[in-house]
Amino acid sequence: MKIQMHVFNFINYTNIMTYYLKVFSIVKWFIEVYIRIGNYQELINIIYRQVDKFLLIRKATESTTT
């Protein structure tokens, strides 16, 4: 029982670490883009375009699966 707990804790810890690495990489990407552009409005426009693309792709996949 104790060994199972240790395994679970380790898995939980690795999941948290991968999550933080993903968040960090996204934040790093935003900072790099922001530095390259130097224009806040342009950055917002790019984010909106990315979100729109993502939502369109999701809608397309949802319509094909149903």
N, C-alpha and C. Protein backbone atom coordinates (compact mmCIF):
# COMPACT_ATOMS: atom_id res chain seq x y z
N MET A 1 0.83 -1.20 0.00
CA MET A 1 0.00 0.00 0.00
C MET A 1 0.87 1.25 0.00
N LYS A 2 1.93 1.24 0.79
CA LYS A 2 2.82 2.39 0.87
C LYS A 2 3.53 2.63 -0.46
N ILE A 3 3.93 1.53 -1.11
CA ILE A 3 4.62 1.64 -2.40
C ILE A 3 3.69 2.26 -3.44
N GLN A 4 2.43 1.83 -3.43
CA GLN A 4 1.44 2.39 -4.36
C GLN A 4 1.31 3.89 -4.17
N MET A 5 1.28 4.35 -2.95
CA MET A 5 1.18 5.78 -2.65
C MET A 5 2.37 6.53 -3.23
N HIS A 6 3.56 5.96 -3.06
CA HIS A 6 4.78 6.61 -3.58
C HIS A 6 4.71 6.72 -5.10
N VAL A 7 4.27 5.64 -5.75
CA VAL A 7 4.15 5.66 -7.21
C VAL A 7 3.15 6.72 -7.65
N PHE A 8 2.03 6.78 -6.98
CA PHE A 8 1.00 7.77 -7.31
C PHE A 8 1.53 9.19 -7.13
N ASN A 9 2.22 9.43 -6.02
CA ASN A 9 2.80 10.76 -5.76
C ASN A 9 3.79 11.13 -6.85
N PHE A 10 4.61 10.17 -7.27
CA PHE A 10 5.60 10.43 -8.32
C PHE A 10 4.91 10.78 -9.64
N ILE A 11 3.87 10.02 -9.99
CA ILE A 11 3.14 10.28 -11.23
C ILE A 11 2.50 11.67 -11.16
N ASN A 12 1.89 11.97 -10.03
CA ASN A 12 1.26 13.26 -9.83
C ASN A 12 2.28 14.39 -9.99
N TYR A 13 3.45 14.21 -9.40
CA TYR A 13 4.52 15.20 -9.47
C TYR A 13 4.98 15.41 -10.91
N THR A 14 5.16 14.32 -11.66
CA THR A 14 5.60 14.45 -13.05
C THR A 14 4.55 15.14 -13.89
N ASN A 15 3.26 14.86 -13.63
CA ASN A 15 2.19 15.54 -14.36
C ASN A 15 2.22 17.05 -14.09
N ILE A 16 2.41 17.42 -12.85
CA ILE A 16 2.49 18.84 -12.48
C ILE A 16 3.70 19.48 -13.17
N MET A 17 4.82 18.78 -13.19
CA MET A 17 6.03 19.32 -13.82
C MET A 17 5.82 19.52 -15.32
N THR A 18 5.22 18.54 -16.00
CA THR A 18 4.99 18.69 -17.44
C THR A 18 4.03 19.85 -17.70
N TYR A 19 3.02 20.01 -16.84
CA TYR A 19 2.07 21.11 -16.98
C TYR A 19 2.79 22.45 -16.86
N TYR A 20 3.64 22.58 -15.84
CA TYR A 20 4.38 23.84 -15.65
C TYR A 20 5.34 24.09 -16.80
N LEU A 21 5.96 23.03 -17.33
CA LEU A 21 6.86 23.20 -18.48
C LEU A 21 6.08 23.71 -19.69
N LYS A 22 4.88 23.18 -19.92
CA LYS A 22 4.05 23.64 -21.03
C LYS A 22 3.70 25.11 -20.85
N VAL A 23 3.26 25.47 -19.65
CA VAL A 23 2.88 26.86 -19.37
C VAL A 23 4.09 27.77 -19.57
N PHE A 24 5.24 27.33 -19.07
CA PHE A 24 6.46 28.13 -19.19
C PHE A 24 6.83 28.33 -20.65
N SER A 25 6.73 27.27 -21.45
CA SER A 25 7.10 27.39 -22.87
C SER A 25 6.15 28.35 -23.59
N ILE A 26 4.86 28.31 -23.23
CA ILE A 26 3.89 29.23 -23.85
C ILE A 26 4.22 30.67 -23.46
N VAL A 27 4.50 30.89 -22.17
CA VAL A 27 4.83 32.24 -21.69
C VAL A 27 6.10 32.74 -22.37
N LYS A 28 7.09 31.85 -22.48
CA LYS A 28 8.36 32.20 -23.13
C LYS A 28 8.11 32.60 -24.58
N TRP A 29 7.24 31.84 -25.27
CA TRP A 29 6.92 32.15 -26.66
C TRP A 29 6.28 33.53 -26.77
N PHE A 30 5.32 33.84 -25.86
CA PHE A 30 4.67 35.14 -25.88
C PHE A 30 5.67 36.27 -25.67
N ILE A 31 6.60 36.08 -24.73
CA ILE A 31 7.62 37.10 -24.44
C ILE A 31 8.51 37.32 -25.67
N GLU A 32 8.92 36.22 -26.30
CA GLU A 32 9.77 36.32 -27.50
C GLU A 32 9.04 37.08 -28.60
N VAL A 33 7.79 36.74 -28.83
CA VAL A 33 6.99 37.40 -29.87
C VAL A 33 6.84 38.88 -29.53
N TYR A 34 6.55 39.16 -28.25
CA TYR A 34 6.35 40.55 -27.82
C TYR A 34 7.62 41.37 -28.03
N ILE A 35 8.79 40.79 -27.70
CA ILE A 35 10.05 41.49 -27.87
C ILE A 35 10.30 41.73 -29.36
N ARG A 36 10.03 40.71 -30.19
CA ARG A 36 10.27 40.83 -31.62
C ARG A 36 9.40 41.90 -32.24
N ILE A 37 8.12 41.94 -31.83
CA ILE A 37 7.18 42.90 -32.43
C ILE A 37 7.31 44.26 -31.75
N GLY A 38 7.32 44.25 -30.43
CA GLY A 38 7.42 45.51 -29.70
C GLY A 38 6.14 46.33 -29.75
N ASN A 39 5.07 45.69 -30.20
CA ASN A 39 3.80 46.39 -30.33
C ASN A 39 2.71 45.53 -29.70
N TYR A 40 2.13 46.05 -28.63
CA TYR A 40 1.15 45.28 -27.84
C TYR A 40 -0.09 44.93 -28.65
N GLN A 41 -0.60 45.89 -29.44
CA GLN A 41 -1.81 45.67 -30.23
C GLN A 41 -1.61 44.56 -31.25
N GLU A 42 -0.46 44.55 -31.88
CA GLU A 42 -0.14 43.51 -32.87
C GLU A 42 -0.12 42.13 -32.21
N LEU A 43 0.43 42.08 -31.01
CA LEU A 43 0.48 40.82 -30.25
C LEU A 43 -0.93 40.31 -29.97
N ILE A 44 -1.82 41.22 -29.56
CA ILE A 44 -3.21 40.85 -29.28
C ILE A 44 -3.88 40.32 -30.55
N ASN A 45 -3.62 40.99 -31.69
CA ASN A 45 -4.20 40.54 -32.95
C ASN A 45 -3.74 39.14 -33.30
N ILE A 46 -2.44 38.86 -33.10
CA ILE A 46 -1.90 37.53 -33.39
C ILE A 46 -2.57 36.49 -32.50
N ILE A 47 -2.72 36.80 -31.20
CA ILE A 47 -3.35 35.86 -30.27
C ILE A 47 -4.78 35.58 -30.72
N TYR A 48 -5.52 36.63 -31.08
CA TYR A 48 -6.91 36.44 -31.53
C TYR A 48 -6.96 35.55 -32.77
N ARG A 49 -6.03 35.78 -33.71
CA ARG A 49 -5.99 34.96 -34.92
C ARG A 49 -5.74 33.50 -34.60
N GLN A 50 -4.79 33.27 -33.66
CA GLN A 50 -4.49 31.89 -33.26
C GLN A 50 -5.70 31.24 -32.63
N VAL A 51 -6.38 31.97 -31.75
CA VAL A 51 -7.57 31.44 -31.07
C VAL A 51 -8.66 31.13 -32.09
N ASP A 52 -8.86 32.04 -33.05
CA ASP A 52 -9.87 31.83 -34.10
C ASP A 52 -9.56 30.57 -34.89
N LYS A 53 -8.29 30.40 -35.27
CA LYS A 53 -7.87 29.20 -36.02
C LYS A 53 -8.17 27.96 -35.21
N PHE A 54 -7.81 27.98 -33.93
CA PHE A 54 -8.02 26.83 -33.03
C PHE A 54 -9.50 26.49 -32.94
N LEU A 55 -10.34 27.51 -32.77
CA LEU A 55 -11.77 27.29 -32.64
C LEU A 55 -12.36 26.77 -33.95
N LEU A 56 -11.89 27.28 -35.09
CA LEU A 56 -12.37 26.81 -36.38
C LEU A 56 -12.01 25.35 -36.58
N ILE A 57 -10.78 24.99 -36.23
CA ILE A 57 -10.33 23.60 -36.34
C ILE A 57 -11.19 22.71 -35.46
N ARG A 58 -11.46 23.17 -34.22
CA ARG A 58 -12.29 22.39 -33.29
C ARG A 58 -13.70 22.21 -33.84
N LYS A 59 -14.26 23.29 -34.39
CA LYS A 59 -15.61 23.20 -34.97
C LYS A 59 -15.63 22.21 -36.12
N ALA A 60 -14.61 22.26 -36.95
CA ALA A 60 -14.53 21.35 -38.10
C ALA A 60 -14.46 19.90 -37.64
N THR A 61 -13.62 19.63 -36.65
CA THR A 61 -13.48 18.26 -36.16
C THR A 61 -14.76 17.80 -35.48
N GLU A 62 -15.43 18.70 -34.75
CA GLU A 62 -16.68 18.34 -34.08
C GLU A 62 -17.77 18.02 -35.10
N SER A 63 -17.85 18.80 -36.18
CA SER A 63 -18.89 18.58 -37.18
C SER A 63 -18.65 17.28 -37.94
N THR A 64 -17.39 16.91 -38.14
CA THR A 64 -17.09 15.66 -38.86
C THR A 64 -17.36 14.45 -37.97
N THR A 65 -17.11 14.58 -36.67
CA THR A 65 -17.29 13.43 -35.77
C THR A 65 -18.77 13.15 -35.51
N THR A 66 -19.60 14.19 -35.49
CA THR A 66 -21.03 13.98 -35.19
C THR A 66 -21.77 13.48 -36.42
